[in-house]
Amino acid sequence: MLGLEGLFAEEGEQFESALHQSKPGLPQPPSKRAKCGLCGISNQGATCYLNSLLQTLFFTTEFRDALFSLGENELGSLAKRSPGVKVRVIPLHLQKLFARLLMSDRQSVSTTELTDSFGWTNNEVI
């Protein structure tokens, strides 16, 4: 009888549980991007609704293109912060998140920088 592991294994790959893959005291490398070519968003504890919204915005080509077209004149710069100069931090971190979704070779990326830019503390996320 085929167990649940057969439902989640990629074609031609054997599923191994995390218990068998990890060695005590050694951090595991991030999982590679799935064969489908898509990168997901990691859940910070209770960010699944936020992640759904982010995925919807990411796959709305017009929104994504408009966000990427915003430059330093519209957003400011994190690298060149100076007193009195407004930096639109949330759109900058949203750009970074979308860029990671497009270019990362990981299976999923984190939204921690984005939620930090909202001013959320760790207990507000979870």
C-alpha atoms as a PDB file:
ATOM      1  CA  MET A   1       0.000   0.000   0.000  1.00  0.00           C
ATOM      2  CA  LEU A   2       1.301   3.462  -0.949  1.00  0.00           C
ATOM      3  CA  GLY A   3       1.660   5.831   2.002  1.00  0.00           C
ATOM      4  CA  LEU A   4       1.138   9.585   1.994  1.00  0.00           C
ATOM      5  CA  GLU A   5       4.723  10.130   0.994  1.00  0.00           C
ATOM      6  CA  GLY A   6       3.861   8.935  -2.529  1.00  0.00           C
ATOM      7  CA  LEU A   7       1.368  11.789  -2.922  1.00  0.00           C
ATOM      8  CA  PHE A   8       4.003  14.471  -2.371  1.00  0.00           C
ATOM      9  CA  ALA A   9       7.076  13.049  -4.063  1.00  0.00           C
ATOM     10  CA  GLU A  10       8.198  14.574  -7.326  1.00  0.00           C
ATOM     11  CA  GLU A  11       8.213  12.234 -10.292  1.00  0.00           C
ATOM     12  CA  GLY A  12      11.116   9.825  -9.974  1.00  0.00           C
ATOM     13  CA  GLU A  13      12.130  11.000  -6.511  1.00  0.00           C
ATOM     14  CA  GLN A  14      11.945   9.102  -3.274  1.00  0.00           C
ATOM     15  CA  PHE A  15      10.343  10.918  -0.355  1.00  0.00           C
ATOM     16  CA  GLU A  16      12.366  11.020   2.833  1.00  0.00           C
ATOM     17  CA  SER A  17      10.984  12.411   6.066  1.00  0.00           C
ATOM     18  CA  ALA A  18      12.748  15.343   7.667  1.00  0.00           C
ATOM     19  CA  LEU A  19      13.797  13.068  10.513  1.00  0.00           C
ATOM     20  CA  HIS A  20      15.895  10.955   8.165  1.00  0.00           C
ATOM     21  CA  GLN A  21      17.410  13.955   6.330  1.00  0.00           C
ATOM     22  CA  SER A  22      18.612  16.030   9.270  1.00  0.00           C
ATOM     23  CA  LYS A  23      21.702  15.378  11.300  1.00  0.00           C
ATOM     24  CA  PRO A  24      21.867  16.630  14.881  1.00  0.00           C
ATOM     25  CA  GLY A  25      23.498  20.041  15.172  1.00  0.00           C
ATOM     26  CA  LEU A  26      23.668  20.718  11.423  1.00  0.00           C
ATOM     27  CA  PRO A  27      21.340  23.241   9.770  1.00  0.00           C
ATOM     28  CA  GLN A  28      19.634  21.967   6.649  1.00  0.00           C
ATOM     29  CA  PRO A  29      20.010  23.853   3.370  1.00  0.00           C
ATOM     30  CA  PRO A  30      16.834  25.393   1.947  1.00  0.00           C
ATOM     31  CA  SER A  31      14.749  23.175  -0.294  1.00  0.00           C
ATOM     32  CA  LYS A  32      15.275  23.719  -4.013  1.00  0.00           C
ATOM     33  CA  ARG A  33      12.555  25.143  -6.221  1.00  0.00           C
ATOM     34  CA  ALA A  34       9.994  22.584  -7.342  1.00  0.00           C
ATOM     35  CA  LYS A  35      10.091  21.216 -10.898  1.00  0.00           C
ATOM     36  CA  CYS A  36       7.022  23.323 -11.769  1.00  0.00           C
ATOM     37  CA  GLY A  37       9.313  26.371 -11.601  1.00  0.00           C
ATOM     38  CA  LEU A  38       7.252  28.273  -9.032  1.00  0.00           C
ATOM     39  CA  CYS A  39       8.489  29.620  -5.723  1.00  0.00           C
ATOM     40  CA  GLY A  40       6.143  29.761  -2.747  1.00  0.00           C
ATOM     41  CA  ILE A  41       5.873  32.019   0.294  1.00  0.00           C
ATOM     42  CA  SER A  42       6.760  30.707   3.746  1.00  0.00           C
ATOM     43  CA  ASN A  43       4.145  31.005   6.494  1.00  0.00           C
ATOM     44  CA  GLN A  44       5.402  32.990   9.497  1.00  0.00           C
ATOM     45  CA  GLY A  45       2.844  31.367  11.770  1.00  0.00           C
ATOM     46  CA  ALA A  46      -0.417  33.076  10.865  1.00  0.00           C
ATOM     47  CA  THR A  47       0.349  34.862   7.606  1.00  0.00           C
ATOM     48  CA  CYS A  48      -1.539  32.526   5.297  1.00  0.00           C
ATOM     49  CA  TYR A  49      -4.173  35.177   4.426  1.00  0.00           C
ATOM     50  CA  LEU A  50      -1.439  37.731   3.770  1.00  0.00           C
ATOM     51  CA  ASN A  51       0.423  35.178   1.647  1.00  0.00           C
ATOM     52  CA  SER A  52      -2.721  34.543  -0.428  1.00  0.00           C
ATOM     53  CA  LEU A  53      -3.047  38.271  -1.075  1.00  0.00           C
ATOM     54  CA  LEU A  54       0.649  38.556  -1.950  1.00  0.00           C
ATOM     55  CA  GLN A  55       0.398  35.644  -4.394  1.00  0.00           C
ATOM     56  CA  THR A  56      -2.673  37.233  -6.025  1.00  0.00           C
ATOM     57  CA  LEU A  57      -0.838  40.547  -6.425  1.00  0.00           C
ATOM     58  CA  PHE A  58       2.293  38.784  -7.699  1.00  0.00           C
ATOM     59  CA  PHE A  59       0.347  36.927 -10.392  1.00  0.00           C
ATOM     60  CA  THR A  60      -1.493  40.113 -11.446  1.00  0.00           C
ATOM     61  CA  THR A  61       0.962  41.069 -14.176  1.00  0.00           C
ATOM     62  CA  GLU A  62      -0.168  44.698 -14.413  1.00  0.00           C
ATOM     63  CA  PHE A  63       0.333  45.227 -10.651  1.00  0.00           C
ATOM     64  CA  ARG A  64       3.716  43.502 -10.635  1.00  0.00           C
ATOM     65  CA  ASP A  65       4.935  45.473 -13.658  1.00  0.00           C
ATOM     66  CA  ALA A  66       3.755  48.774 -12.142  1.00  0.00           C
ATOM     67  CA  LEU A  67       5.485  47.951  -8.844  1.00  0.00           C
ATOM     68  CA  PHE A  68       8.747  47.100 -10.627  1.00  0.00           C
ATOM     69  CA  SER A  69       8.546  50.315 -12.661  1.00  0.00           C
ATOM     70  CA  LEU A  70       8.729  52.415  -9.471  1.00  0.00           C
ATOM     71  CA  GLY A  71      12.222  53.734  -8.977  1.00  0.00           C
ATOM     72  CA  GLU A  72      14.214  55.696  -6.446  1.00  0.00           C
ATOM     73  CA  ASN A  73      12.439  58.950  -7.417  1.00  0.00           C
ATOM     74  CA  GLU A  74       9.058  57.536  -6.342  1.00  0.00           C
ATOM     75  CA  LEU A  75      10.194  55.311  -3.479  1.00  0.00           C
ATOM     76  CA  GLY A  76      13.382  56.712  -2.031  1.00  0.00           C
ATOM     77  CA  SER A  77      16.295  54.471  -1.150  1.00  0.00           C
ATOM     78  CA  LEU A  78      17.109  52.312   1.853  1.00  0.00           C
ATOM     79  CA  ALA A  79      20.825  52.690   1.115  1.00  0.00           C
ATOM     80  CA  LYS A  80      20.731  56.495   0.967  1.00  0.00           C
ATOM     81  CA  ARG A  81      18.557  57.228   4.000  1.00  0.00           C
ATOM     82  CA  SER A  82      18.892  60.747   5.334  1.00  0.00           C
ATOM     83  CA  PRO A  83      16.879  62.754   7.874  1.00  0.00           C
ATOM     84  CA  GLY A  84      13.753  64.345   6.455  1.00  0.00           C
ATOM     85  CA  VAL A  85      13.759  62.219   3.292  1.00  0.00           C
ATOM     86  CA  LYS A  86      10.735  59.966   3.017  1.00  0.00           C
ATOM     87  CA  VAL A  87      11.388  56.352   2.074  1.00  0.00           C
ATOM     88  CA  ARG A  88       8.405  54.252   1.066  1.00  0.00           C
ATOM     89  CA  VAL A  89       9.632  51.125   2.797  1.00  0.00           C
ATOM     90  CA  ILE A  90       6.635  48.826   2.233  1.00  0.00           C
ATOM     91  CA  PRO A  91       6.730  49.074  -1.602  1.00  0.00           C
ATOM     92  CA  LEU A  92      10.509  48.602  -1.536  1.00  0.00           C
ATOM     93  CA  HIS A  93      10.195  45.394   0.479  1.00  0.00           C
ATOM     94  CA  LEU A  94       7.319  44.256  -1.727  1.00  0.00           C
ATOM     95  CA  GLN A  95       9.590  44.746  -4.760  1.00  0.00           C
ATOM     96  CA  LYS A  96      12.292  42.689  -3.050  1.00  0.00           C
ATOM     97  CA  LEU A  97       9.820  39.922  -2.207  1.00  0.00           C
ATOM     98  CA  PHE A  98       8.502  39.782  -5.786  1.00  0.00           C
ATOM     99  CA  ALA A  99      12.078  39.741  -7.139  1.00  0.00           C
ATOM    100  CA  ARG A 100      12.876  36.795  -4.851  1.00  0.00           C
ATOM    101  CA  LEU A 101       9.743  34.978  -6.040  1.00  0.00           C
ATOM    102  CA  LEU A 102      10.927  35.381  -9.628  1.00  0.00           C
ATOM    103  CA  MET A 103      14.620  34.682  -9.165  1.00  0.00           C
ATOM    104  CA  SER A 104      15.139  32.507  -6.098  1.00  0.00           C
ATOM    105  CA  ASP A 105      16.108  28.893  -6.556  1.00  0.00           C
ATOM    106  CA  ARG A 106      14.469  28.067  -3.211  1.00  0.00           C
ATOM    107  CA  GLN A 107      11.140  26.332  -2.809  1.00  0.00           C
ATOM    108  CA  SER A 108       9.790  29.264  -0.778  1.00  0.00           C
ATOM    109  CA  VAL A 109      10.807  32.729   0.397  1.00  0.00           C
ATOM    110  CA  SER A 110      10.156  34.607   3.619  1.00  0.00           C
ATOM    111  CA  THR A 111       7.943  37.664   4.149  1.00  0.00           C
ATOM    112  CA  THR A 112       9.752  38.702   7.345  1.00  0.00           C
ATOM    113  CA  GLU A 113      11.257  41.905   5.881  1.00  0.00           C
ATOM    114  CA  LEU A 114       7.875  42.908   4.471  1.00  0.00           C
ATOM    115  CA  THR A 115       5.950  42.284   7.700  1.00  0.00           C
ATOM    116  CA  ASP A 116       8.694  44.107   9.637  1.00  0.00           C
ATOM    117  CA  SER A 117       8.159  47.094   7.309  1.00  0.00           C
ATOM    118  CA  PHE A 118       4.491  47.111   8.406  1.00  0.00           C
ATOM    119  CA  GLY A 119       5.708  47.674  11.949  1.00  0.00           C
ATOM    120  CA  TRP A 120       4.452  44.282  13.091  1.00  0.00           C
ATOM    121  CA  THR A 121       6.256  42.714  15.975  1.00  0.00           C
ATOM    122  CA  ASN A 122       6.777  38.968  16.167  1.00  0.00           C
ATOM    123  CA  ASN A 123       3.805  38.447  18.493  1.00  0.00           C
ATOM    124  CA  GLU A 124       1.520  40.330  16.092  1.00  0.00           C
ATOM    125  CA  VAL A 125       2.450  38.050  13.176  1.00  0.00           C
ATOM    126  CA  ILE A 126       1.823  34.792  15.014  1.00  0.00           C
END
